[in-house]
C-alpha atoms as a PDB file:
ATOM      1  CA  MET A   1     -34.854 -28.212  -7.172  1.00  0.00           C
ATOM      2  CA  GLU A   2     -36.990 -31.072  -5.950  1.00  0.00           C
ATOM      3  CA  ILE A   3     -38.073 -30.960  -2.328  1.00  0.00           C
ATOM      4  CA  THR A   4     -38.241 -34.301  -0.591  1.00  0.00           C
ATOM      5  CA  ALA A   5     -38.781 -35.226   3.015  1.00  0.00           C
ATOM      6  CA  ASP A   6     -34.996 -35.347   3.393  1.00  0.00           C
ATOM      7  CA  GLY A   7     -34.348 -32.308   1.197  1.00  0.00           C
ATOM      8  CA  LEU A   8     -36.572 -29.735   2.915  1.00  0.00           C
ATOM      9  CA  ASP A   9     -33.967 -28.571   5.363  1.00  0.00           C
ATOM     10  CA  ALA A  10     -32.923 -25.079   6.424  1.00  0.00           C
ATOM     11  CA  ALA A  11     -30.561 -24.615   3.482  1.00  0.00           C
ATOM     12  CA  ALA A  12     -33.100 -25.737   0.851  1.00  0.00           C
ATOM     13  CA  LEU A  13     -35.919 -23.665   2.324  1.00  0.00           C
ATOM     14  CA  LEU A  14     -33.741 -20.569   2.575  1.00  0.00           C
ATOM     15  CA  HIS A  15     -32.651 -21.017  -1.047  1.00  0.00           C
ATOM     16  CA  ILE A  16     -36.292 -20.986  -2.212  1.00  0.00           C
ATOM     17  CA  TRP A  17     -37.197 -18.127   0.142  1.00  0.00           C
ATOM     18  CA  HIS A  18     -34.519 -15.823  -1.286  1.00  0.00           C
ATOM     19  CA  GLN A  19     -36.006 -16.184  -4.770  1.00  0.00           C
ATOM     20  CA  PHE A  20     -39.184 -14.457  -3.595  1.00  0.00           C
ATOM     21  CA  ASP A  21     -38.068 -12.199  -0.741  1.00  0.00           C
ATOM     22  CA  ILE A  22     -36.541  -9.862  -3.319  1.00  0.00           C
ATOM     23  CA  ASN A  23     -35.893  -6.998  -0.896  1.00  0.00           C
ATOM     24  CA  ASP A  24     -34.506  -9.346   1.775  1.00  0.00           C
ATOM     25  CA  ASN A  25     -36.833  -7.828   4.373  1.00  0.00           C
ATOM     26  CA  GLY A  26     -37.896 -11.084   6.000  1.00  0.00           C
ATOM     27  CA  PHE A  27     -41.389 -11.415   4.525  1.00  0.00           C
ATOM     28  CA  ILE A  28     -43.212 -12.145   1.261  1.00  0.00           C
ATOM     29  CA  GLU A  29     -46.477 -10.463   0.349  1.00  0.00           C
ATOM     30  CA  GLY A  30     -48.970  -9.864  -2.470  1.00  0.00           C
ATOM     31  CA  LYS A  31     -48.462 -11.587  -5.799  1.00  0.00           C
ATOM     32  CA  GLN A  32     -45.032 -12.803  -4.701  1.00  0.00           C
ATOM     33  CA  LEU A  33     -46.739 -14.733  -1.911  1.00  0.00           C
ATOM     34  CA  ASP A  34     -49.048 -16.525  -4.348  1.00  0.00           C
ATOM     35  CA  ALA A  35     -46.083 -17.352  -6.595  1.00  0.00           C
ATOM     36  CA  PHE A  36     -44.101 -18.623  -3.606  1.00  0.00           C
ATOM     37  CA  PHE A  37     -46.767 -21.165  -2.622  1.00  0.00           C
ATOM     38  CA  GLN A  38     -47.191 -22.211  -6.252  1.00  0.00           C
ATOM     39  CA  SER A  39     -43.441 -22.758  -6.547  1.00  0.00           C
ATOM     40  CA  MET A  40     -43.167 -24.686  -3.280  1.00  0.00           C
ATOM     41  CA  LEU A  41     -45.937 -27.089  -4.222  1.00  0.00           C
ATOM     42  CA  GLY A  42     -44.952 -27.292  -7.896  1.00  0.00           C
ATOM     43  CA  LYS A  43     -41.346 -28.214  -7.198  1.00  0.00           C
ATOM     44  CA  SER A  44     -42.245 -30.777  -4.582  1.00  0.00           C
ATOM     45  CA  GLY A  45     -43.435 -33.299  -7.167  1.00  0.00           C
ATOM     46  CA  THR A  46     -44.810 -36.505  -5.711  1.00  0.00           C
ATOM     47  CA  LYS A  47     -41.930 -37.175  -3.334  1.00  0.00           C
ATOM     48  CA  MET A  48     -42.695 -34.552  -0.706  1.00  0.00           C
ATOM     49  CA  ASP A  49     -43.571 -35.933   2.668  1.00  0.00           C
ATOM     50  CA  ASP A  50     -47.395 -35.879   2.959  1.00  0.00           C
ATOM     51  CA  GLU A  51     -47.278 -34.016   6.259  1.00  0.00           C
ATOM     52  CA  VAL A  52     -44.997 -31.287   4.870  1.00  0.00           C
ATOM     53  CA  GLY A  53     -47.134 -30.913   1.742  1.00  0.00           C
ATOM     54  CA  ASP A  54     -50.301 -30.629   3.829  1.00  0.00           C
ATOM     55  CA  LYS A  55     -48.741 -27.923   5.982  1.00  0.00           C
ATOM     56  CA  ILE A  56     -47.796 -25.872   2.932  1.00  0.00           C
ATOM     57  CA  ARG A  57     -51.294 -26.221   1.480  1.00  0.00           C
ATOM     58  CA  ARG A  58     -52.904 -25.192   4.782  1.00  0.00           C
ATOM     59  CA  LEU A  59     -50.631 -22.167   4.950  1.00  0.00           C
ATOM     60  CA  ARG A  60     -51.492 -21.264   1.346  1.00  0.00           C
ATOM     61  CA  ASP A  61     -55.220 -21.632   2.045  1.00  0.00           C
ATOM     62  CA  LYS A  62     -54.915 -19.420   5.111  1.00  0.00           C
ATOM     63  CA  PHE A  63     -53.410 -16.591   3.081  1.00  0.00           C
ATOM     64  CA  SER A  64     -55.821 -17.167   0.159  1.00  0.00           C
ATOM     65  CA  SER A  65     -58.934 -16.988   2.312  1.00  0.00           C
ATOM     66  CA  PRO A  66     -61.259 -14.033   1.517  1.00  0.00           C
ATOM     67  CA  ASP A  67     -61.421 -13.419   5.260  1.00  0.00           C
ATOM     68  CA  ASN A  68     -57.717 -12.648   5.198  1.00  0.00           C
ATOM     69  CA  PHE A  69     -57.704 -10.183   2.300  1.00  0.00           C
ATOM     70  CA  THR A  70     -58.211  -7.198   4.576  1.00  0.00           C
ATOM     71  CA  ALA A  71     -55.565  -8.407   6.995  1.00  0.00           C
ATOM     72  CA  ASP A  72     -51.793  -8.244   6.671  1.00  0.00           C
ATOM     73  CA  ARG A  73     -51.127 -10.706   3.830  1.00  0.00           C
ATOM     74  CA  ARG A  74     -47.487 -11.140   4.707  1.00  0.00           C
ATOM     75  CA  LEU A  75     -45.733 -14.427   5.316  1.00  0.00           C
ATOM     76  CA  HIS A  76     -42.725 -13.974   7.580  1.00  0.00           C
ATOM     77  CA  VAL A  77     -39.782 -16.337   7.334  1.00  0.00           C
ATOM     78  CA  GLN A  78     -40.056 -17.098  11.065  1.00  0.00           C
ATOM     79  CA  GLU A  79     -43.654 -18.283  10.596  1.00  0.00           C
ATOM     80  CA  LEU A  80     -42.728 -20.523   7.687  1.00  0.00           C
ATOM     81  CA  ALA A  81     -39.709 -22.005   9.467  1.00  0.00           C
ATOM     82  CA  ALA A  82     -41.672 -22.675  12.651  1.00  0.00           C
ATOM     83  CA  MET A  83     -44.319 -24.581  10.706  1.00  0.00           C
ATOM     84  CA  LEU A  84     -42.130 -26.615   8.352  1.00  0.00           C
ATOM     85  CA  LEU A  85     -38.816 -27.276  10.070  1.00  0.00           C
ATOM     86  CA  PRO A  86     -37.748 -29.155  13.184  1.00  0.00           C
ATOM     87  CA  GLU A  87     -36.632 -26.862  15.990  1.00  0.00           C
ATOM     88  CA  GLU A  88     -32.923 -27.384  15.341  1.00  0.00           C
ATOM     89  CA  GLU A  89     -33.188 -26.499  11.651  1.00  0.00           C
ATOM     90  CA  ASN A  90     -35.601 -23.657  12.391  1.00  0.00           C
ATOM     91  CA  PHE A  91     -32.885 -21.983  14.431  1.00  0.00           C
ATOM     92  CA  LEU A  92     -30.291 -22.645  11.741  1.00  0.00           C
ATOM     93  CA  LEU A  93     -32.440 -21.054   9.017  1.00  0.00           C
ATOM     94  CA  LEU A  94     -32.966 -17.892  11.052  1.00  0.00           C
ATOM     95  CA  PHE A  95     -29.276 -17.765  11.959  1.00  0.00           C
ATOM     96  CA  ARG A  96     -28.232 -18.127   8.315  1.00  0.00           C
ATOM     97  CA  ARG A  97     -30.634 -15.378   7.258  1.00  0.00           C
ATOM     98  CA  GLU A  98     -29.737 -12.946  10.039  1.00  0.00           C
ATOM     99  CA  THR A  99     -25.967 -13.357   9.996  1.00  0.00           C
ATOM    100  CA  PRO A 100     -24.762 -13.827   6.400  1.00  0.00           C
ATOM    101  CA  LEU A 101     -21.081 -13.116   5.877  1.00  0.00           C
ATOM    102  CA  ASP A 102     -20.062 -11.005   2.901  1.00  0.00           C
ATOM    103  CA  ASN A 103     -16.336 -11.036   3.597  1.00  0.00           C
ATOM    104  CA  SER A 104     -13.998 -14.023   3.768  1.00  0.00           C
ATOM    105  CA  VAL A 105     -11.918 -12.179   6.378  1.00  0.00           C
ATOM    106  CA  GLU A 106     -14.590 -12.562   9.046  1.00  0.00           C
ATOM    107  CA  PHE A 107     -15.189 -16.136   7.891  1.00  0.00           C
ATOM    108  CA  MET A 108     -11.515 -17.005   8.378  1.00  0.00           C
ATOM    109  CA  ARG A 109     -11.475 -15.254  11.761  1.00  0.00           C
ATOM    110  CA  ILE A 110     -14.256 -17.614  12.856  1.00  0.00           C
ATOM    111  CA  TRP A 111     -12.478 -20.603  11.295  1.00  0.00           C
ATOM    112  CA  ARG A 112      -9.197 -19.923  13.103  1.00  0.00           C
ATOM    113  CA  ASN A 113     -11.011 -19.367  16.382  1.00  0.00           C
ATOM    114  CA  TYR A 114     -12.791 -22.732  16.381  1.00  0.00           C
ATOM    115  CA  ASP A 115     -10.233 -24.917  14.615  1.00  0.00           C
ATOM    116  CA  LYS A 116      -8.494 -25.026  17.980  1.00  0.00           C
ATOM    117  CA  ASP A 117      -5.925 -27.684  17.100  1.00  0.00           C
ATOM    118  CA  SER A 118      -5.140 -26.167  13.666  1.00  0.00           C
ATOM    119  CA  SER A 119      -5.953 -29.507  12.057  1.00  0.00           C
ATOM    120  CA  GLY A 120      -7.723 -27.878   9.113  1.00  0.00           C
ATOM    121  CA  TYR A 121     -11.041 -29.340  10.276  1.00  0.00           C
ATOM    122  CA  ILE A 122     -13.684 -28.595  12.908  1.00  0.00           C
ATOM    123  CA  SER A 123     -14.648 -31.592  14.995  1.00  0.00           C
ATOM    124  CA  ALA A 124     -17.979 -32.116  16.750  1.00  0.00           C
ATOM    125  CA  SER A 125     -16.458 -30.897  20.024  1.00  0.00           C
ATOM    126  CA  GLU A 126     -15.105 -27.748  18.333  1.00  0.00           C
ATOM    127  CA  LEU A 127     -18.509 -27.199  16.702  1.00  0.00           C
ATOM    128  CA  LYS A 128     -20.007 -27.364  20.192  1.00  0.00           C
ATOM    129  CA  GLY A 129     -17.905 -24.395  21.257  1.00  0.00           C
ATOM    130  CA  PHE A 130     -19.023 -22.485  18.151  1.00  0.00           C
ATOM    131  CA  LEU A 131     -22.708 -23.113  18.895  1.00  0.00           C
ATOM    132  CA  GLN A 132     -22.374 -22.250  22.573  1.00  0.00           C
ATOM    133  CA  ASP A 133     -20.836 -18.905  21.690  1.00  0.00           C
ATOM    134  CA  LEU A 134     -23.480 -18.387  19.016  1.00  0.00           C
ATOM    135  CA  PHE A 135     -26.301 -18.761  21.537  1.00  0.00           C
ATOM    136  CA  VAL A 136     -24.593 -16.368  23.932  1.00  0.00           C
ATOM    137  CA  GLN A 137     -24.217 -13.857  21.096  1.00  0.00           C
ATOM    138  CA  HIS A 138     -27.945 -14.102  20.337  1.00  0.00           C
ATOM    139  CA  LYS A 139     -28.794 -13.971  24.057  1.00  0.00           C
ATOM    140  CA  ARG A 140     -30.521 -17.327  23.977  1.00  0.00           C
ATOM    141  CA  ALA A 141     -30.350 -20.046  26.599  1.00  0.00           C
ATOM    142  CA  ILE A 142     -29.893 -23.673  25.576  1.00  0.00           C
ATOM    143  CA  THR A 143     -29.895 -26.939  27.485  1.00  0.00           C
ATOM    144  CA  ALA A 144     -27.136 -29.501  27.097  1.00  0.00           C
ATOM    145  CA  ASP A 145     -29.556 -31.945  25.437  1.00  0.00           C
ATOM    146  CA  LYS A 146     -30.705 -29.391  22.851  1.00  0.00           C
ATOM    147  CA  LEU A 147     -27.137 -28.398  22.126  1.00  0.00           C
ATOM    148  CA  GLU A 148     -26.286 -32.005  21.335  1.00  0.00           C
ATOM    149  CA  LYS A 149     -29.309 -32.180  19.008  1.00  0.00           C
ATOM    150  CA  TYR A 150     -28.136 -29.103  17.158  1.00  0.00           C
ATOM    151  CA  ILE A 151     -24.675 -30.608  16.721  1.00  0.00           C
ATOM    152  CA  VAL A 152     -26.111 -33.860  15.340  1.00  0.00           C
ATOM    153  CA  THR A 153     -28.406 -31.929  12.979  1.00  0.00           C
ATOM    154  CA  MET A 154     -25.645 -29.682  11.670  1.00  0.00           C
ATOM    155  CA  MET A 155     -23.291 -32.592  11.140  1.00  0.00           C
ATOM    156  CA  LYS A 156     -26.028 -34.447   9.282  1.00  0.00           C
ATOM    157  CA  MET A 157     -26.749 -31.434   7.063  1.00  0.00           C
ATOM    158  CA  PHE A 158     -23.253 -30.153   6.369  1.00  0.00           C
ATOM    159  CA  ASP A 159     -20.718 -32.974   6.859  1.00  0.00           C
ATOM    160  CA  ARG A 160     -20.938 -34.053   3.235  1.00  0.00           C
ATOM    161  CA  ASN A 161     -18.346 -36.823   3.294  1.00  0.00           C
ATOM    162  CA  LYS A 162     -19.619 -38.115   6.674  1.00  0.00           C
ATOM    163  CA  ASP A 163     -16.190 -38.203   8.320  1.00  0.00           C
ATOM    164  CA  GLY A 164     -17.413 -36.621  11.556  1.00  0.00           C
ATOM    165  CA  GLN A 165     -15.772 -33.244  10.976  1.00  0.00           C
ATOM    166  CA  LEU A 166     -16.340 -30.057   8.981  1.00  0.00           C
ATOM    167  CA  ASP A 167     -13.915 -28.547   6.495  1.00  0.00           C
ATOM    168  CA  LEU A 168     -13.695 -24.990   5.169  1.00  0.00           C
ATOM    169  CA  ASN A 169     -16.335 -25.624   2.523  1.00  0.00           C
ATOM    170  CA  ASP A 170     -18.776 -27.095   5.046  1.00  0.00           C
ATOM    171  CA  LEU A 171     -18.449 -24.095   7.366  1.00  0.00           C
ATOM    172  CA  ALA A 172     -18.946 -21.701   4.448  1.00  0.00           C
ATOM    173  CA  ARG A 173     -22.322 -23.355   3.823  1.00  0.00           C
ATOM    174  CA  ILE A 174     -23.285 -23.142   7.491  1.00  0.00           C
ATOM    175  CA  LEU A 175     -22.432 -19.444   7.675  1.00  0.00           C
ATOM    176  CA  ALA A 176     -24.018 -18.652   4.298  1.00  0.00           C
ATOM    177  CA  LEU A 177     -20.798 -17.031   3.074  1.00  0.00           C
ATOM    178  CA  LYS A 178     -21.573 -14.866   0.056  1.00  0.00           C
ATOM    179  CA  GLU A 179     -19.981 -15.162  -3.370  1.00  0.00           C
ATOM    180  CA  ASN A 180     -16.215 -14.891  -3.666  1.00  0.00           C
ATOM    181  CA  PHE A 181     -15.392 -11.165  -3.909  1.00  0.00           C
ATOM    182  CA  LEU A 182     -12.646 -11.748  -6.486  1.00  0.00           C
ATOM    183  CA  LEU A 183     -15.147 -13.141  -9.007  1.00  0.00           C
ATOM    184  CA  LYS A 184     -16.229  -9.559  -9.667  1.00  0.00           C
ATOM    185  CA  PHE A 185     -12.963  -8.800 -11.412  1.00  0.00           C
ATOM    186  CA  LYS A 186     -11.813  -9.899 -14.858  1.00  0.00           C
ATOM    187  CA  THR A 187      -8.096 -10.158 -15.465  1.00  0.00           C
ATOM    188  CA  GLU A 188      -8.033 -10.884 -19.181  1.00  0.00           C
ATOM    189  CA  ALA A 189      -7.638  -7.989 -21.635  1.00  0.00           C
ATOM    190  CA  CYS A 190      -7.490  -5.379 -18.845  1.00  0.00           C
ATOM    191  CA  SER A 191      -5.385  -2.272 -19.189  1.00  0.00           C
ATOM    192  CA  GLN A 192      -2.794  -1.350 -16.564  1.00  0.00           C
ATOM    193  CA  GLU A 193      -5.108   1.426 -15.361  1.00  0.00           C
ATOM    194  CA  ASP A 194      -8.011  -1.028 -14.985  1.00  0.00           C
ATOM    195  CA  ARG A 195      -5.803  -3.388 -13.015  1.00  0.00           C
ATOM    196  CA  LYS A 196      -4.665  -0.608 -10.688  1.00  0.00           C
ATOM    197  CA  ARG A 197      -8.253   0.468 -10.082  1.00  0.00           C
ATOM    198  CA  ASP A 198      -9.310  -3.103  -9.366  1.00  0.00           C
ATOM    199  CA  PHE A 199      -6.334  -3.571  -7.060  1.00  0.00           C
ATOM    200  CA  GLU A 200      -7.425  -0.600  -4.940  1.00  0.00           C
ATOM    201  CA  LYS A 201     -10.921  -2.087  -4.552  1.00  0.00           C
ATOM    202  CA  ILE A 202      -9.575  -5.544  -3.750  1.00  0.00           C
ATOM    203  CA  PHE A 203      -7.073  -4.343  -1.164  1.00  0.00           C
ATOM    204  CA  ALA A 204      -9.689  -2.154   0.548  1.00  0.00           C
ATOM    205  CA  HIS A 205     -12.061  -5.139   0.758  1.00  0.00           C
ATOM    206  CA  TYR A 206      -9.564  -7.355   2.589  1.00  0.00           C
ATOM    207  CA  ASP A 207      -7.932  -4.595   4.651  1.00  0.00           C
ATOM    208  CA  VAL A 208     -10.822  -4.705   7.129  1.00  0.00           C
ATOM    209  CA  SER A 209      -8.738  -3.040   9.854  1.00  0.00           C
ATOM    210  CA  GLN A 210      -7.845  -0.217   7.413  1.00  0.00           C
ATOM    211  CA  THR A 211      -4.189  -0.237   8.455  1.00  0.00           C
ATOM    212  CA  GLY A 212      -2.733  -0.358   4.962  1.00  0.00           C
ATOM    213  CA  ALA A 213      -1.483  -3.914   5.527  1.00  0.00           C
ATOM    214  CA  LEU A 214      -3.058  -7.370   5.490  1.00  0.00           C
ATOM    215  CA  GLU A 215      -2.452  -9.547   8.532  1.00  0.00           C
ATOM    216  CA  GLY A 216      -3.923 -12.563  10.298  1.00  0.00           C
ATOM    217  CA  PRO A 217      -7.421 -13.419   9.027  1.00  0.00           C
ATOM    218  CA  GLU A 218      -7.133 -10.663   6.397  1.00  0.00           C
ATOM    219  CA  VAL A 219      -4.351 -12.635   4.702  1.00  0.00           C
ATOM    220  CA  ASP A 220      -6.358 -15.847   5.242  1.00  0.00           C
ATOM    221  CA  GLY A 221      -9.447 -14.361   3.593  1.00  0.00           C
ATOM    222  CA  PHE A 222      -7.479 -13.146   0.580  1.00  0.00           C
ATOM    223  CA  VAL A 223      -5.701 -16.492   0.221  1.00  0.00           C
ATOM    224  CA  LYS A 224      -8.961 -18.434   0.480  1.00  0.00           C
ATOM    225  CA  ASP A 225     -10.627 -16.398  -2.264  1.00  0.00           C
ATOM    226  CA  MET A 226      -7.532 -16.555  -4.482  1.00  0.00           C
ATOM    227  CA  MET A 227      -7.377 -20.348  -4.187  1.00  0.00           C
ATOM    228  CA  GLU A 228     -11.080 -20.765  -4.931  1.00  0.00           C
ATOM    229  CA  LEU A 229     -10.641 -19.049  -8.293  1.00  0.00           C
ATOM    230  CA  VAL A 230      -8.819 -22.158  -9.533  1.00  0.00           C
ATOM    231  CA  LYS A 231     -10.017 -24.785  -7.058  1.00  0.00           C
ATOM    232  CA  PRO A 232     -13.621 -24.397  -5.832  1.00  0.00           C
ATOM    233  CA  SER A 233     -13.237 -26.933  -3.019  1.00  0.00           C
ATOM    234  CA  ILE A 234     -10.284 -26.227  -0.714  1.00  0.00           C
ATOM    235  CA  HIS A 235      -9.149 -27.600   2.627  1.00  0.00           C
ATOM    236  CA  GLY A 236      -7.406 -26.096   5.622  1.00  0.00           C
ATOM    237  CA  PRO A 237      -3.992 -27.725   4.963  1.00  0.00           C
ATOM    238  CA  ASP A 238      -4.091 -26.481   1.338  1.00  0.00           C
ATOM    239  CA  LEU A 239      -4.829 -22.962   2.514  1.00  0.00           C
ATOM    240  CA  ASP A 240      -2.019 -23.044   5.064  1.00  0.00           C
ATOM    241  CA  ARG A 241       0.504 -24.129   2.434  1.00  0.00           C
ATOM    242  CA  PHE A 242      -0.582 -21.429  -0.009  1.00  0.00           C
ATOM    243  CA  ARG A 243      -0.572 -18.827   2.760  1.00  0.00           C
ATOM    244  CA  LYS A 244       2.987 -19.730   3.714  1.00  0.00           C
ATOM    245  CA  ALA A 245       4.109 -19.474   0.085  1.00  0.00           C
ATOM    246  CA  LEU A 246       2.389 -16.112  -0.373  1.00  0.00           C
ATOM    247  CA  MET A 247       3.917 -14.682   2.803  1.00  0.00           C
ATOM    248  CA  GLY A 248       7.352 -15.914   1.749  1.00  0.00           C
ATOM    249  CA  HIS A 249       6.997 -14.207  -1.606  1.00  0.00           C
ATOM    250  CA  CYS A 250       5.235 -10.968  -0.616  1.00  0.00           C
ATOM    251  CA  ASP A 251       6.322 -10.172   2.949  1.00  0.00           C
ATOM    252  CA  ILE A 252       9.452  -8.378   1.800  1.00  0.00           C
ATOM    253  CA  ASN A 253      10.248  -6.610   5.099  1.00  0.00           C
ATOM    254  CA  GLY A 254       9.545  -9.738   7.174  1.00  0.00           C
ATOM    255  CA  ASP A 255       7.048  -8.111   9.577  1.00  0.00           C
ATOM    256  CA  GLY A 256       4.463 -10.901   9.259  1.00  0.00           C
ATOM    257  CA  LYS A 257       2.123  -8.653   7.260  1.00  0.00           C
ATOM    258  CA  ILE A 258       1.571  -7.889   3.599  1.00  0.00           C
ATOM    259  CA  GLN A 259       1.869  -4.165   3.046  1.00  0.00           C
ATOM    260  CA  LYS A 260      -0.134  -2.584   0.242  1.00  0.00           C
ATOM    261  CA  ASN A 261       2.978  -1.846  -1.810  1.00  0.00           C
ATOM    262  CA  GLU A 262       4.263  -5.411  -1.207  1.00  0.00           C
ATOM    263  CA  LEU A 263       1.077  -6.970  -2.577  1.00  0.00           C
ATOM    264  CA  ALA A 264       1.149  -4.602  -5.550  1.00  0.00           C
ATOM    265  CA  LEU A 265       4.692  -5.750  -6.361  1.00  0.00           C
ATOM    266  CA  CYS A 266       3.653  -9.410  -6.026  1.00  0.00           C
ATOM    267  CA  LEU A 267       0.848  -8.838  -8.502  1.00  0.00           C
ATOM    268  CA  GLY A 268       3.112  -7.034 -10.950  1.00  0.00           C
ATOM    269  CA  LEU A 269       1.697  -3.572 -10.313  1.00  0.00           C
ATOM    270  CA  LYS A 270       3.535  -0.358  -9.584  1.00  0.00           C
ATOM    271  CA  HIS A 271       2.030   1.073  -6.431  1.00  0.00           C
ATOM    272  CA  SER A 272       2.182   4.835  -6.068  1.00  0.00           C
END
């Protein structure tokens, strides 16, 4: 990865940070700290903004000083973000680190909540509602002007096709959604017993409410991950069509949910 003046944003910095904060405890220390600074400056090449490069070197020199050897040689992610990133992206980096999502069910719950018009996209005005709620959740106050700055920054960073709205893939990047859970399972050359065991793990992962049936965002999360196995980039309308087809095929008793035994039948498994 090459870091440029445009490329050193919250997402890029967090990507580099995770390579060295092995324990994910929010700080880097010791030999890892030396390697981190070496990596940051080594990957920057000649295109890094002079001011950003100087800040990194000053930070490295501070932690390399003999006067600091007896002190706490720990670099915290908050300190790094505050020094290198604009305020809007500083907040985004800390948010992404503190609130990663490891389940597509919660991701889809958020998506449905803020895609108010069910268009399959989140507009700038819908993103505003998301950010307002986010600040309330973190018990932080924000002025109207700062909120607008955050919206502009996030659109600049994550609206990849520059159409003024975010799709499912854009929001997944904002929320730092972890790897698709279904990628852990291999379907080829598996015995019936292996498939049954995997099915139990998969159903338990998406049955967040532990009711024995998938409904609402639980179905959405399962559908999203299923679709991404064959099509990495999906959109809201695609997901809605696939969801409708899956419900039509699997919801045998017509209760608007997918029971455990119904999904097993859909997948060609005998559920005991």
